[in-house]
N, C-alpha and C. Protein backbone atom coordinates (compact mmCIF):
# COMPACT_ATOMS: atom_id res chain seq x y z
N MET A 1 5.66 -5.82 -19.51
CA MET A 1 4.36 -6.37 -19.82
C MET A 1 3.94 -7.30 -18.67
N LEU A 2 2.74 -7.08 -18.16
CA LEU A 2 2.22 -7.89 -17.06
C LEU A 2 1.06 -8.75 -17.56
N GLN A 3 0.79 -9.82 -16.84
CA GLN A 3 -0.37 -10.64 -17.17
C GLN A 3 -1.56 -10.16 -16.37
N ALA A 4 -2.73 -10.40 -16.93
CA ALA A 4 -3.97 -10.01 -16.27
C ALA A 4 -5.06 -10.99 -16.66
N ILE A 5 -6.15 -10.92 -15.91
CA ILE A 5 -7.37 -11.64 -16.25
C ILE A 5 -8.37 -10.58 -16.70
N ASP A 6 -8.86 -10.70 -17.94
CA ASP A 6 -9.82 -9.70 -18.41
C ASP A 6 -11.21 -9.98 -17.83
N LYS A 7 -12.15 -9.12 -18.13
CA LYS A 7 -13.49 -9.23 -17.55
C LYS A 7 -14.19 -10.54 -17.90
N ASP A 8 -13.71 -11.21 -18.97
CA ASP A 8 -14.30 -12.48 -19.39
C ASP A 8 -13.54 -13.70 -18.88
N GLY A 9 -12.50 -13.47 -18.05
CA GLY A 9 -11.74 -14.58 -17.48
C GLY A 9 -10.58 -15.07 -18.32
N ASN A 10 -10.24 -14.34 -19.38
CA ASN A 10 -9.12 -14.74 -20.24
C ASN A 10 -7.81 -14.12 -19.76
N ILE A 11 -6.73 -14.88 -19.88
CA ILE A 11 -5.41 -14.33 -19.56
C ILE A 11 -4.99 -13.43 -20.72
N ILE A 12 -4.61 -12.20 -20.38
CA ILE A 12 -4.18 -11.24 -21.39
C ILE A 12 -2.86 -10.61 -20.95
N GLU A 13 -2.19 -9.97 -21.88
CA GLU A 13 -1.02 -9.17 -21.58
C GLU A 13 -1.52 -7.76 -21.26
N PHE A 14 -1.03 -7.19 -20.17
CA PHE A 14 -1.45 -5.85 -19.78
C PHE A 14 -0.28 -4.90 -19.93
N ASN A 15 -0.53 -3.81 -20.63
CA ASN A 15 0.46 -2.77 -20.80
C ASN A 15 -0.24 -1.45 -20.50
N GLU A 16 0.34 -0.68 -19.62
CA GLU A 16 -0.26 0.60 -19.23
C GLU A 16 -0.58 1.48 -20.44
N ASN A 17 0.24 1.39 -21.47
CA ASN A 17 0.00 2.20 -22.67
C ASN A 17 -1.30 1.83 -23.37
N ASP A 18 -1.80 0.61 -23.12
CA ASP A 18 -3.07 0.20 -23.72
C ASP A 18 -4.24 1.02 -23.18
N LEU A 19 -4.02 1.70 -22.06
CA LEU A 19 -5.09 2.48 -21.45
C LEU A 19 -5.26 3.85 -22.11
N ARG A 20 -4.30 4.23 -22.94
CA ARG A 20 -4.39 5.54 -23.62
C ARG A 20 -5.68 5.60 -24.42
N GLY A 21 -6.30 6.75 -24.38
CA GLY A 21 -7.53 6.94 -25.15
C GLY A 21 -8.79 6.67 -24.35
N LYS A 22 -8.64 6.20 -23.10
CA LYS A 22 -9.81 5.99 -22.27
C LYS A 22 -9.49 6.37 -20.82
N CYS A 23 -10.47 6.82 -20.13
CA CYS A 23 -10.31 7.16 -18.71
C CYS A 23 -10.42 5.86 -17.91
N THR A 24 -9.54 5.72 -16.92
CA THR A 24 -9.45 4.45 -16.18
C THR A 24 -9.37 4.70 -14.68
N VAL A 25 -10.08 3.88 -13.92
CA VAL A 25 -9.89 3.82 -12.47
C VAL A 25 -8.98 2.62 -12.22
N MET A 26 -7.78 2.89 -11.72
CA MET A 26 -6.85 1.83 -11.33
C MET A 26 -6.84 1.78 -9.81
N TYR A 27 -7.24 0.64 -9.26
CA TYR A 27 -7.21 0.54 -7.81
C TYR A 27 -6.26 -0.58 -7.40
N PHE A 28 -5.42 -0.27 -6.43
CA PHE A 28 -4.44 -1.21 -5.90
C PHE A 28 -4.99 -1.77 -4.60
N TYR A 29 -4.92 -3.09 -4.46
CA TYR A 29 -5.41 -3.73 -3.25
C TYR A 29 -4.40 -4.79 -2.83
N PRO A 30 -4.35 -5.10 -1.52
CA PRO A 30 -3.30 -5.99 -1.01
C PRO A 30 -3.37 -7.45 -1.44
N LYS A 31 -4.57 -8.09 -1.38
CA LYS A 31 -4.59 -9.54 -1.58
C LYS A 31 -5.97 -10.04 -1.96
N ASP A 32 -5.99 -10.94 -2.95
CA ASP A 32 -7.24 -11.60 -3.34
C ASP A 32 -7.83 -12.37 -2.16
N ASN A 33 -9.15 -12.42 -2.12
CA ASN A 33 -9.90 -13.26 -1.18
C ASN A 33 -9.70 -12.92 0.29
N THR A 34 -9.29 -11.69 0.60
CA THR A 34 -9.29 -11.25 1.99
C THR A 34 -10.54 -10.40 2.18
N SER A 35 -10.96 -10.22 3.41
CA SER A 35 -12.27 -9.60 3.64
C SER A 35 -12.37 -8.19 3.05
N GLY A 36 -11.42 -7.31 3.34
CA GLY A 36 -11.49 -5.93 2.83
C GLY A 36 -11.38 -5.88 1.32
N CYS A 37 -10.47 -6.68 0.77
CA CYS A 37 -10.28 -6.67 -0.69
C CYS A 37 -11.48 -7.25 -1.41
N THR A 38 -12.12 -8.24 -0.82
CA THR A 38 -13.32 -8.82 -1.41
C THR A 38 -14.46 -7.81 -1.37
N ARG A 39 -14.63 -7.12 -0.24
CA ARG A 39 -15.68 -6.09 -0.15
C ARG A 39 -15.46 -5.00 -1.19
N GLU A 40 -14.19 -4.55 -1.34
CA GLU A 40 -13.89 -3.50 -2.30
C GLU A 40 -14.18 -3.95 -3.73
N ALA A 41 -13.71 -5.14 -4.09
CA ALA A 41 -13.92 -5.66 -5.44
C ALA A 41 -15.42 -5.82 -5.73
N CYS A 42 -16.16 -6.33 -4.76
CA CYS A 42 -17.60 -6.53 -4.96
C CYS A 42 -18.32 -5.19 -5.06
N ASP A 43 -17.82 -4.17 -4.37
CA ASP A 43 -18.42 -2.84 -4.48
C ASP A 43 -18.21 -2.28 -5.89
N PHE A 44 -17.00 -2.47 -6.45
CA PHE A 44 -16.78 -2.08 -7.84
C PHE A 44 -17.68 -2.88 -8.77
N ARG A 45 -17.76 -4.20 -8.54
CA ARG A 45 -18.61 -5.06 -9.37
C ARG A 45 -20.06 -4.59 -9.35
N ASP A 46 -20.58 -4.34 -8.15
CA ASP A 46 -21.99 -3.99 -8.00
C ASP A 46 -22.32 -2.60 -8.53
N ASN A 47 -21.31 -1.76 -8.68
CA ASN A 47 -21.53 -0.39 -9.15
C ASN A 47 -20.96 -0.15 -10.54
N LEU A 48 -20.55 -1.23 -11.20
CA LEU A 48 -19.90 -1.08 -12.50
C LEU A 48 -20.79 -0.32 -13.49
N ASN A 49 -22.08 -0.61 -13.50
CA ASN A 49 -22.97 0.08 -14.44
C ASN A 49 -23.00 1.58 -14.17
N ARG A 50 -22.81 2.00 -12.93
CA ARG A 50 -22.77 3.44 -12.60
C ARG A 50 -21.43 4.05 -13.01
N LEU A 51 -20.38 3.24 -13.06
CA LEU A 51 -19.04 3.75 -13.37
C LEU A 51 -18.70 3.68 -14.85
N LEU A 52 -19.24 2.70 -15.55
CA LEU A 52 -18.84 2.48 -16.95
C LEU A 52 -19.10 3.67 -17.86
N SER A 53 -20.07 4.48 -17.52
CA SER A 53 -20.30 5.65 -18.36
C SER A 53 -19.15 6.65 -18.23
N TYR A 54 -18.34 6.49 -17.19
CA TYR A 54 -17.20 7.38 -16.98
C TYR A 54 -15.86 6.73 -17.34
N VAL A 55 -15.67 5.48 -16.89
CA VAL A 55 -14.33 4.88 -16.90
C VAL A 55 -14.33 3.37 -17.08
N GLU A 56 -13.13 2.84 -17.29
CA GLU A 56 -12.86 1.42 -17.22
C GLU A 56 -12.24 1.14 -15.85
N ILE A 57 -12.52 -0.02 -15.26
CA ILE A 57 -11.99 -0.38 -13.95
C ILE A 57 -10.88 -1.41 -14.12
N ILE A 58 -9.76 -1.20 -13.40
CA ILE A 58 -8.64 -2.15 -13.39
C ILE A 58 -8.24 -2.35 -11.92
N GLY A 59 -8.28 -3.58 -11.44
CA GLY A 59 -7.81 -3.90 -10.10
C GLY A 59 -6.40 -4.48 -10.19
N ILE A 60 -5.52 -4.08 -9.26
CA ILE A 60 -4.12 -4.50 -9.32
C ILE A 60 -3.66 -4.96 -7.93
N SER A 61 -3.06 -6.14 -7.89
CA SER A 61 -2.44 -6.63 -6.65
C SER A 61 -1.25 -7.51 -7.02
N PRO A 62 -0.42 -7.85 -6.03
CA PRO A 62 0.74 -8.69 -6.32
C PRO A 62 0.41 -10.18 -6.46
N ASP A 63 -0.86 -10.54 -6.41
CA ASP A 63 -1.24 -11.95 -6.56
C ASP A 63 -0.99 -12.43 -7.98
N SER A 64 -0.91 -13.74 -8.14
CA SER A 64 -0.68 -14.35 -9.45
C SER A 64 -1.93 -14.26 -10.32
N VAL A 65 -1.75 -14.45 -11.60
CA VAL A 65 -2.88 -14.43 -12.53
C VAL A 65 -3.85 -15.57 -12.20
N GLU A 66 -3.34 -16.69 -11.73
CA GLU A 66 -4.21 -17.82 -11.37
C GLU A 66 -5.03 -17.47 -10.12
N SER A 67 -4.41 -16.81 -9.16
CA SER A 67 -5.15 -16.35 -7.98
C SER A 67 -6.25 -15.37 -8.40
N HIS A 68 -5.92 -14.46 -9.32
CA HIS A 68 -6.91 -13.51 -9.82
C HIS A 68 -8.07 -14.24 -10.51
N ARG A 69 -7.74 -15.27 -11.29
CA ARG A 69 -8.80 -16.01 -11.99
C ARG A 69 -9.77 -16.62 -10.96
N LYS A 70 -9.25 -17.25 -9.94
CA LYS A 70 -10.10 -17.86 -8.90
C LYS A 70 -10.93 -16.81 -8.17
N PHE A 71 -10.30 -15.68 -7.84
CA PHE A 71 -10.98 -14.58 -7.16
C PHE A 71 -12.10 -14.04 -8.04
N GLN A 72 -11.80 -13.83 -9.31
CA GLN A 72 -12.79 -13.30 -10.25
C GLN A 72 -13.98 -14.25 -10.38
N GLN A 73 -13.69 -15.55 -10.51
CA GLN A 73 -14.76 -16.53 -10.65
C GLN A 73 -15.60 -16.62 -9.39
N LYS A 74 -14.94 -16.69 -8.24
CA LYS A 74 -15.65 -16.84 -6.97
C LYS A 74 -16.56 -15.64 -6.69
N GLN A 75 -16.10 -14.44 -7.05
CA GLN A 75 -16.86 -13.22 -6.74
C GLN A 75 -17.63 -12.66 -7.94
N ASN A 76 -17.59 -13.36 -9.08
CA ASN A 76 -18.26 -12.90 -10.30
C ASN A 76 -17.85 -11.48 -10.68
N LEU A 77 -16.54 -11.22 -10.64
CA LEU A 77 -16.05 -9.88 -10.95
C LEU A 77 -16.10 -9.64 -12.46
N ASN A 78 -16.43 -8.43 -12.83
CA ASN A 78 -16.69 -8.09 -14.23
C ASN A 78 -15.74 -7.00 -14.74
N PHE A 79 -14.51 -7.03 -14.27
CA PHE A 79 -13.49 -6.09 -14.72
C PHE A 79 -12.13 -6.77 -14.65
N THR A 80 -11.12 -6.13 -15.23
CA THR A 80 -9.78 -6.70 -15.36
C THR A 80 -9.02 -6.66 -14.03
N LEU A 81 -8.30 -7.75 -13.75
CA LEU A 81 -7.40 -7.83 -12.59
C LEU A 81 -5.99 -8.08 -13.09
N VAL A 82 -5.06 -7.20 -12.70
CA VAL A 82 -3.68 -7.27 -13.15
C VAL A 82 -2.82 -7.91 -12.07
N ALA A 83 -1.96 -8.85 -12.50
CA ALA A 83 -1.03 -9.53 -11.59
C ALA A 83 0.30 -8.76 -11.59
N ASP A 84 0.49 -7.93 -10.58
CA ASP A 84 1.70 -7.12 -10.43
C ASP A 84 2.65 -7.84 -9.47
N ILE A 85 3.05 -9.05 -9.84
CA ILE A 85 3.80 -9.95 -8.96
C ILE A 85 5.08 -9.31 -8.44
N ASP A 86 5.81 -8.62 -9.29
CA ASP A 86 7.06 -7.99 -8.88
C ASP A 86 6.84 -6.56 -8.39
N HIS A 87 5.60 -6.18 -8.19
CA HIS A 87 5.15 -4.86 -7.72
C HIS A 87 5.76 -3.68 -8.47
N ASP A 88 5.98 -3.87 -9.78
CA ASP A 88 6.51 -2.78 -10.62
C ASP A 88 5.54 -1.60 -10.69
N LEU A 89 4.27 -1.89 -10.97
CA LEU A 89 3.27 -0.81 -11.02
C LEU A 89 3.07 -0.19 -9.65
N ALA A 90 3.03 -1.03 -8.62
CA ALA A 90 2.84 -0.51 -7.26
C ALA A 90 3.97 0.44 -6.88
N GLU A 91 5.19 0.10 -7.25
CA GLU A 91 6.31 1.00 -6.97
C GLU A 91 6.21 2.27 -7.80
N LYS A 92 5.84 2.14 -9.06
CA LYS A 92 5.71 3.31 -9.94
C LYS A 92 4.69 4.31 -9.37
N TYR A 93 3.60 3.80 -8.82
CA TYR A 93 2.55 4.66 -8.27
C TYR A 93 2.76 4.97 -6.79
N GLY A 94 3.85 4.49 -6.22
CA GLY A 94 4.18 4.83 -4.84
C GLY A 94 3.28 4.19 -3.80
N VAL A 95 2.75 2.99 -4.11
CA VAL A 95 1.86 2.33 -3.16
C VAL A 95 2.48 1.07 -2.56
N TRP A 96 3.73 0.76 -2.93
CA TRP A 96 4.45 -0.36 -2.32
C TRP A 96 5.16 0.23 -1.11
N LYS A 97 4.64 -0.06 0.08
CA LYS A 97 5.07 0.63 1.29
C LYS A 97 5.43 -0.36 2.39
N GLU A 98 6.23 0.16 3.34
CA GLU A 98 6.48 -0.63 4.55
C GLU A 98 5.22 -0.55 5.41
N LYS A 99 4.78 -1.71 5.85
CA LYS A 99 3.59 -1.80 6.68
C LYS A 99 3.97 -2.49 7.98
N SER A 100 3.06 -2.44 8.93
CA SER A 100 3.32 -3.06 10.22
C SER A 100 2.05 -3.75 10.71
N LEU A 101 2.21 -4.96 11.19
CA LEU A 101 1.09 -5.72 11.75
C LEU A 101 1.58 -6.43 12.99
N TYR A 102 1.01 -6.10 14.12
CA TYR A 102 1.41 -6.67 15.41
C TYR A 102 2.91 -6.52 15.63
N GLY A 103 3.44 -5.36 15.26
CA GLY A 103 4.84 -5.07 15.46
C GLY A 103 5.78 -5.64 14.41
N ARG A 104 5.27 -6.47 13.52
CA ARG A 104 6.08 -7.05 12.45
C ARG A 104 6.05 -6.13 11.24
N LYS A 105 7.19 -5.76 10.73
CA LYS A 105 7.28 -4.88 9.57
C LYS A 105 7.44 -5.73 8.31
N TYR A 106 6.77 -5.30 7.25
CA TYR A 106 6.84 -6.01 5.97
C TYR A 106 6.47 -5.02 4.88
N MET A 107 6.76 -5.38 3.63
CA MET A 107 6.41 -4.56 2.49
C MET A 107 5.10 -5.06 1.89
N GLY A 108 4.25 -4.12 1.49
CA GLY A 108 2.98 -4.51 0.90
C GLY A 108 2.29 -3.32 0.25
N ILE A 109 1.11 -3.58 -0.28
CA ILE A 109 0.32 -2.57 -0.99
C ILE A 109 -0.42 -1.68 0.01
N GLU A 110 -0.30 -0.37 -0.21
CA GLU A 110 -1.15 0.59 0.48
C GLU A 110 -2.38 0.76 -0.40
N ARG A 111 -3.54 0.39 0.12
CA ARG A 111 -4.78 0.45 -0.67
C ARG A 111 -4.96 1.87 -1.22
N SER A 112 -4.97 1.98 -2.54
CA SER A 112 -5.02 3.29 -3.20
C SER A 112 -5.77 3.19 -4.51
N THR A 113 -6.32 4.33 -4.94
CA THR A 113 -7.04 4.39 -6.20
C THR A 113 -6.59 5.62 -6.98
N PHE A 114 -6.44 5.43 -8.29
CA PHE A 114 -6.03 6.51 -9.18
C PHE A 114 -6.99 6.60 -10.36
N ILE A 115 -7.34 7.81 -10.72
CA ILE A 115 -8.09 8.02 -11.95
C ILE A 115 -7.09 8.55 -12.97
N ILE A 116 -7.00 7.82 -14.07
CA ILE A 116 -6.05 8.15 -15.14
C ILE A 116 -6.85 8.64 -16.34
N ASP A 117 -6.50 9.83 -16.86
CA ASP A 117 -7.24 10.34 -18.01
C ASP A 117 -6.79 9.67 -19.31
N ALA A 118 -7.43 10.03 -20.40
CA ALA A 118 -7.17 9.40 -21.70
C ALA A 118 -5.75 9.62 -22.20
N ASP A 119 -5.08 10.65 -21.67
CA ASP A 119 -3.69 10.93 -22.06
C ASP A 119 -2.68 10.26 -21.14
N GLY A 120 -3.16 9.50 -20.15
CA GLY A 120 -2.25 8.80 -19.24
C GLY A 120 -1.85 9.59 -18.01
N ASN A 121 -2.53 10.72 -17.75
CA ASN A 121 -2.21 11.54 -16.58
C ASN A 121 -3.10 11.19 -15.40
N ILE A 122 -2.52 11.21 -14.20
CA ILE A 122 -3.31 11.01 -12.99
C ILE A 122 -4.09 12.30 -12.74
N ILE A 123 -5.42 12.19 -12.70
CA ILE A 123 -6.23 13.39 -12.46
C ILE A 123 -6.84 13.40 -11.06
N LYS A 124 -6.82 12.26 -10.38
CA LYS A 124 -7.33 12.19 -9.02
C LYS A 124 -6.73 10.96 -8.37
N GLU A 125 -6.41 11.07 -7.08
CA GLU A 125 -5.92 9.89 -6.36
C GLU A 125 -6.44 9.88 -4.94
N TRP A 126 -6.61 8.68 -4.44
CA TRP A 126 -6.98 8.45 -3.05
C TRP A 126 -5.93 7.51 -2.48
N ARG A 127 -5.32 7.88 -1.37
CA ARG A 127 -4.33 7.06 -0.68
C ARG A 127 -4.93 6.56 0.63
N LYS A 128 -4.40 5.44 1.12
CA LYS A 128 -4.86 4.86 2.39
C LYS A 128 -6.40 4.75 2.40
N VAL A 129 -6.92 4.17 1.35
CA VAL A 129 -8.37 4.06 1.14
C VAL A 129 -9.02 3.22 2.23
N LYS A 130 -10.14 3.71 2.69
CA LYS A 130 -11.04 2.94 3.55
C LYS A 130 -12.10 2.36 2.62
N VAL A 131 -12.34 1.07 2.71
CA VAL A 131 -13.21 0.38 1.76
C VAL A 131 -14.64 0.90 1.78
N ALA A 132 -15.20 1.05 2.96
CA ALA A 132 -16.61 1.44 3.07
C ALA A 132 -16.83 2.81 2.44
N GLY A 133 -17.70 2.87 1.45
CA GLY A 133 -18.06 4.13 0.81
C GLY A 133 -17.10 4.63 -0.25
N HIS A 134 -16.02 3.90 -0.50
CA HIS A 134 -15.02 4.41 -1.43
C HIS A 134 -15.54 4.51 -2.87
N VAL A 135 -16.24 3.51 -3.34
CA VAL A 135 -16.76 3.56 -4.71
C VAL A 135 -17.75 4.71 -4.84
N ASP A 136 -18.53 4.98 -3.80
CA ASP A 136 -19.44 6.13 -3.84
C ASP A 136 -18.66 7.43 -3.95
N GLU A 137 -17.48 7.51 -3.30
CA GLU A 137 -16.62 8.70 -3.42
C GLU A 137 -16.18 8.90 -4.87
N ILE A 138 -15.81 7.80 -5.51
CA ILE A 138 -15.36 7.88 -6.91
C ILE A 138 -16.51 8.35 -7.80
N ILE A 139 -17.68 7.78 -7.61
CA ILE A 139 -18.84 8.18 -8.41
C ILE A 139 -19.17 9.66 -8.16
N ALA A 140 -19.13 10.09 -6.90
CA ALA A 140 -19.40 11.50 -6.58
C ALA A 140 -18.37 12.41 -7.26
N TYR A 141 -17.13 11.97 -7.31
CA TYR A 141 -16.10 12.76 -8.00
C TYR A 141 -16.48 12.96 -9.47
N PHE A 142 -16.84 11.88 -10.15
CA PHE A 142 -17.20 11.99 -11.57
C PHE A 142 -18.44 12.85 -11.77
N GLN A 143 -19.38 12.76 -10.86
CA GLN A 143 -20.60 13.57 -10.98
C GLN A 143 -20.30 15.05 -10.79
N SER A 144 -19.22 15.36 -10.07
CA SER A 144 -18.89 16.75 -9.79
C SER A 144 -18.09 17.44 -10.89
N ILE A 145 -17.53 16.65 -11.82
CA ILE A 145 -16.72 17.27 -12.88
C ILE A 145 -17.47 17.40 -14.18
């Protein structure tokens, strides 16, 4: 069981099984309040009304629930953020990867998005996501099915 901040800013317990019965976009991002992650979160926020007819949005990163609360408040985010501190979900979905920055190797989140159907199956995934235009890709996917 993981902690999360729901769309109203409340701390909740998050269990993947709670997603059964609804289609969900789960997106993994590296860190709250960084430029790319902020742009991505705000793109989901700004397009939520276009997505809600299809799915629920869940953002996941290894940041703490308190970091998520501050990020949500600062950016007026209107969807749930899950604190995957021990990167259990990230490992389960294969997005906890070795990364490299200026020759330094470290473990971190590979920006990825998964669409999970009502039965809990992955029906679409995007790996190594580029932030620009990504939410439009997701919307185009739903419009095509």
